[in-house]
Amino acid sequence: MSGQTEFTGAILDAAQAVPEGLIDPQGRSAGRRFNVYRNNVAVSLTDALGTAFPVEKKLIGAQNFDALAGYSCANIPPPRP
């Protein structure tokens, strides 16, 4: 698996480990920083889906929509940035 593929997979799936080789400025594992980045990506993708499908979000409620968006982002990632 390439580094980019591993990184993308780990960004979209919180169950995956932080990719090897990611370090912070002090040379330590960047696990906490990576988790913040992972969360920001998930929130932005969820927001993008909410913007694209406002009626669906209103019909099923924000909490249900966010859960479905999280599933969608992890299992059917966007094909491009």
N, C-alpha and C. Protein backbone atom coordinates (compact mmCIF):
# COMPACT_ATOMS: atom_id res chain seq x y z
N MET A 1 0.85 -1.17 0.00
CA MET A 1 0.00 0.00 0.00
C MET A 1 0.90 1.24 0.00
N SER A 2 0.56 2.21 -0.82
CA SER A 2 1.39 3.41 -0.88
C SER A 2 1.14 4.29 0.33
N GLY A 3 2.06 5.18 0.60
CA GLY A 3 1.93 6.09 1.72
C GLY A 3 0.69 6.96 1.61
N GLN A 4 0.42 7.44 0.41
CA GLN A 4 -0.76 8.29 0.20
C GLN A 4 -2.05 7.50 0.41
N THR A 5 -2.09 6.28 -0.08
CA THR A 5 -3.28 5.44 0.09
C THR A 5 -3.50 5.13 1.56
N GLU A 6 -2.44 4.81 2.26
CA GLU A 6 -2.52 4.52 3.69
C GLU A 6 -2.99 5.75 4.46
N PHE A 7 -2.45 6.91 4.13
CA PHE A 7 -2.82 8.16 4.79
C PHE A 7 -4.30 8.47 4.56
N THR A 8 -4.75 8.37 3.31
CA THR A 8 -6.15 8.65 2.98
C THR A 8 -7.08 7.68 3.69
N GLY A 9 -6.73 6.41 3.69
CA GLY A 9 -7.55 5.42 4.37
C GLY A 9 -7.65 5.70 5.87
N ALA A 10 -6.55 6.09 6.48
CA ALA A 10 -6.54 6.38 7.91
C ALA A 10 -7.29 7.66 8.23
N ILE A 11 -7.26 8.62 7.33
CA ILE A 11 -8.02 9.87 7.54
C ILE A 11 -9.51 9.57 7.56
N LEU A 12 -9.97 8.71 6.68
CA LEU A 12 -11.40 8.46 6.54
C LEU A 12 -11.93 7.37 7.45
N ASP A 13 -11.04 6.63 8.13
CA ASP A 13 -11.48 5.54 9.00
C ASP A 13 -10.77 5.63 10.34
N ALA A 14 -11.50 6.08 11.35
CA ALA A 14 -10.92 6.27 12.67
C ALA A 14 -10.44 4.97 13.30
N ALA A 15 -10.92 3.83 12.79
CA ALA A 15 -10.49 2.55 13.34
C ALA A 15 -9.06 2.19 12.90
N GLN A 16 -8.58 2.84 11.85
CA GLN A 16 -7.23 2.56 11.38
C GLN A 16 -6.21 3.31 12.22
N ALA A 17 -5.04 2.71 12.33
CA ALA A 17 -3.95 3.33 13.09
C ALA A 17 -3.39 4.53 12.35
N VAL A 18 -2.73 5.38 13.09
CA VAL A 18 -2.02 6.51 12.50
C VAL A 18 -0.92 5.94 11.61
N PRO A 19 -0.80 6.42 10.38
CA PRO A 19 0.24 5.89 9.49
C PRO A 19 1.64 6.05 10.09
N GLU A 20 2.47 5.06 9.86
CA GLU A 20 3.85 5.10 10.35
C GLU A 20 4.59 6.26 9.71
N GLY A 21 5.50 6.84 10.47
CA GLY A 21 6.35 7.89 9.94
C GLY A 21 5.82 9.29 10.17
N LEU A 22 4.61 9.44 10.68
CA LEU A 22 4.09 10.78 10.97
C LEU A 22 4.61 11.21 12.34
N ILE A 23 5.38 12.28 12.35
CA ILE A 23 5.96 12.75 13.61
C ILE A 23 5.68 14.23 13.80
N ASP A 24 5.73 14.66 15.06
CA ASP A 24 5.55 16.08 15.35
C ASP A 24 6.92 16.78 15.30
N PRO A 25 6.97 18.08 15.51
CA PRO A 25 8.26 18.79 15.43
C PRO A 25 9.32 18.29 16.41
N GLN A 26 8.89 17.64 17.50
CA GLN A 26 9.85 17.10 18.46
C GLN A 26 10.26 15.66 18.14
N GLY A 27 9.77 15.12 17.03
CA GLY A 27 10.14 13.78 16.61
C GLY A 27 9.29 12.68 17.22
N ARG A 28 8.24 13.05 17.95
CA ARG A 28 7.34 12.07 18.55
C ARG A 28 6.24 11.71 17.56
N SER A 29 5.57 10.61 17.83
CA SER A 29 4.43 10.20 16.99
C SER A 29 3.40 11.33 16.97
N ALA A 30 2.87 11.60 15.79
CA ALA A 30 1.92 12.69 15.63
C ALA A 30 0.48 12.21 15.78
N GLY A 31 0.25 11.22 16.61
CA GLY A 31 -1.07 10.64 16.77
C GLY A 31 -2.14 11.64 17.15
N ARG A 32 -1.87 12.47 18.14
CA ARG A 32 -2.88 13.45 18.57
C ARG A 32 -3.15 14.47 17.48
N ARG A 33 -2.11 14.95 16.82
CA ARG A 33 -2.29 15.92 15.73
C ARG A 33 -3.05 15.28 14.56
N PHE A 34 -2.73 14.04 14.29
CA PHE A 34 -3.41 13.35 13.20
C PHE A 34 -4.89 13.18 13.52
N ASN A 35 -5.21 12.87 14.77
CA ASN A 35 -6.61 12.73 15.15
C ASN A 35 -7.38 14.03 15.03
N VAL A 36 -6.75 15.16 15.32
CA VAL A 36 -7.38 16.46 15.12
C VAL A 36 -7.64 16.68 13.63
N TYR A 37 -6.65 16.38 12.81
CA TYR A 37 -6.80 16.52 11.36
C TYR A 37 -7.91 15.60 10.85
N ARG A 38 -7.92 14.36 11.32
CA ARG A 38 -8.95 13.39 10.94
C ARG A 38 -10.34 13.93 11.28
N ASN A 39 -10.49 14.47 12.46
CA ASN A 39 -11.78 15.03 12.88
C ASN A 39 -12.18 16.20 11.99
N ASN A 40 -11.23 17.09 11.67
CA ASN A 40 -11.54 18.24 10.81
C ASN A 40 -12.00 17.79 9.43
N VAL A 41 -11.39 16.76 8.90
CA VAL A 41 -11.80 16.23 7.59
C VAL A 41 -13.22 15.68 7.69
N ALA A 42 -13.50 14.91 8.73
CA ALA A 42 -14.84 14.33 8.90
C ALA A 42 -15.90 15.42 9.03
N VAL A 43 -15.61 16.44 9.81
CA VAL A 43 -16.58 17.53 9.99
C VAL A 43 -16.80 18.28 8.67
N SER A 44 -15.73 18.55 7.94
CA SER A 44 -15.89 19.29 6.68
C SER A 44 -16.64 18.47 5.64
N LEU A 45 -16.41 17.17 5.58
CA LEU A 45 -17.15 16.33 4.64
C LEU A 45 -18.63 16.24 5.03
N THR A 46 -18.90 16.13 6.33
CA THR A 46 -20.28 16.10 6.81
C THR A 46 -20.98 17.42 6.49
N ASP A 47 -20.30 18.53 6.71
CA ASP A 47 -20.87 19.84 6.39
C ASP A 47 -21.15 19.97 4.89
N ALA A 48 -20.23 19.47 4.08
CA ALA A 48 -20.43 19.53 2.63
C ALA A 48 -21.66 18.73 2.20
N LEU A 49 -21.84 17.55 2.79
CA LEU A 49 -23.03 16.77 2.47
C LEU A 49 -24.30 17.47 2.95
N GLY A 50 -24.23 18.10 4.12
CA GLY A 50 -25.38 18.84 4.63
C GLY A 50 -25.75 20.01 3.74
N THR A 51 -24.75 20.65 3.16
CA THR A 51 -25.00 21.75 2.23
C THR A 51 -25.59 21.24 0.93
N ALA A 52 -25.12 20.09 0.48
CA ALA A 52 -25.60 19.51 -0.78
C ALA A 52 -26.99 18.91 -0.65
N PHE A 53 -27.34 18.44 0.55
CA PHE A 53 -28.63 17.77 0.75
C PHE A 53 -29.39 18.34 1.95
N PRO A 54 -29.75 19.63 1.89
CA PRO A 54 -30.40 20.26 3.04
C PRO A 54 -31.79 19.71 3.36
N VAL A 55 -32.54 19.32 2.35
CA VAL A 55 -33.88 18.80 2.58
C VAL A 55 -33.80 17.45 3.30
N GLU A 56 -32.92 16.59 2.85
CA GLU A 56 -32.75 15.29 3.49
C GLU A 56 -32.33 15.46 4.94
N LYS A 57 -31.43 16.42 5.18
CA LYS A 57 -30.98 16.67 6.55
C LYS A 57 -32.15 17.12 7.42
N LYS A 58 -32.98 17.97 6.88
CA LYS A 58 -34.13 18.45 7.64
C LYS A 58 -35.14 17.32 7.88
N LEU A 59 -35.35 16.48 6.88
CA LEU A 59 -36.33 15.40 7.01
C LEU A 59 -35.96 14.37 8.07
N ILE A 60 -34.69 13.99 8.12
CA ILE A 60 -34.29 12.93 9.06
C ILE A 60 -33.67 13.48 10.34
N GLY A 61 -33.42 14.77 10.38
CA GLY A 61 -32.82 15.38 11.57
C GLY A 61 -31.31 15.42 11.48
N ALA A 62 -30.74 16.44 12.10
CA ALA A 62 -29.29 16.66 12.01
C ALA A 62 -28.49 15.49 12.59
N GLN A 63 -28.93 14.95 13.71
CA GLN A 63 -28.17 13.86 14.34
C GLN A 63 -28.14 12.62 13.46
N ASN A 64 -29.29 12.25 12.91
CA ASN A 64 -29.34 11.08 12.01
C ASN A 64 -28.55 11.34 10.73
N PHE A 65 -28.68 12.55 10.20
CA PHE A 65 -27.95 12.90 8.98
C PHE A 65 -26.45 12.81 9.21
N ASP A 66 -25.99 13.35 10.34
CA ASP A 66 -24.55 13.32 10.63
C ASP A 66 -24.05 11.89 10.77
N ALA A 67 -24.86 11.01 11.36
CA ALA A 67 -24.46 9.60 11.47
C ALA A 67 -24.35 8.96 10.10
N LEU A 68 -25.33 9.22 9.24
CA LEU A 68 -25.28 8.67 7.88
C LEU A 68 -24.12 9.27 7.08
N ALA A 69 -23.87 10.54 7.27
CA ALA A 69 -22.76 11.19 6.57
C ALA A 69 -21.43 10.57 7.00
N GLY A 70 -21.29 10.30 8.30
CA GLY A 70 -20.07 9.66 8.79
C GLY A 70 -19.86 8.29 8.17
N TYR A 71 -20.94 7.52 8.09
CA TYR A 71 -20.86 6.21 7.45
C TYR A 71 -20.48 6.36 5.99
N SER A 72 -21.13 7.29 5.32
CA SER A 72 -20.88 7.51 3.89
C SER A 72 -19.44 7.92 3.64
N CYS A 73 -18.92 8.84 4.44
CA CYS A 73 -17.55 9.31 4.23
C CYS A 73 -16.52 8.21 4.46
N ALA A 74 -16.79 7.32 5.41
CA ALA A 74 -15.85 6.23 5.69
C ALA A 74 -15.93 5.12 4.66
N ASN A 75 -17.12 4.87 4.12
CA ASN A 75 -17.32 3.72 3.23
C ASN A 75 -17.43 4.07 1.76
N ILE A 76 -17.79 5.31 1.46
CA ILE A 76 -17.90 5.76 0.08
C ILE A 76 -17.21 7.14 0.00
N PRO A 77 -15.88 7.16 0.12
CA PRO A 77 -15.19 8.45 0.15
C PRO A 77 -15.34 9.21 -1.16
N PRO A 78 -15.21 10.54 -1.08
CA PRO A 78 -15.30 11.32 -2.31
C PRO A 78 -14.20 10.92 -3.28
N PRO A 79 -14.50 10.92 -4.58
CA PRO A 79 -13.50 10.50 -5.57
C PRO A 79 -12.39 11.52 -5.80
N ARG A 80 -12.61 12.75 -5.37
CA ARG A 80 -11.60 13.80 -5.56
C ARG A 80 -11.71 14.81 -4.40
N PRO A 81 -10.70 15.60 -4.21
CA PRO A 81 -10.74 16.57 -3.09
C PRO A 81 -11.90 17.55 -3.17
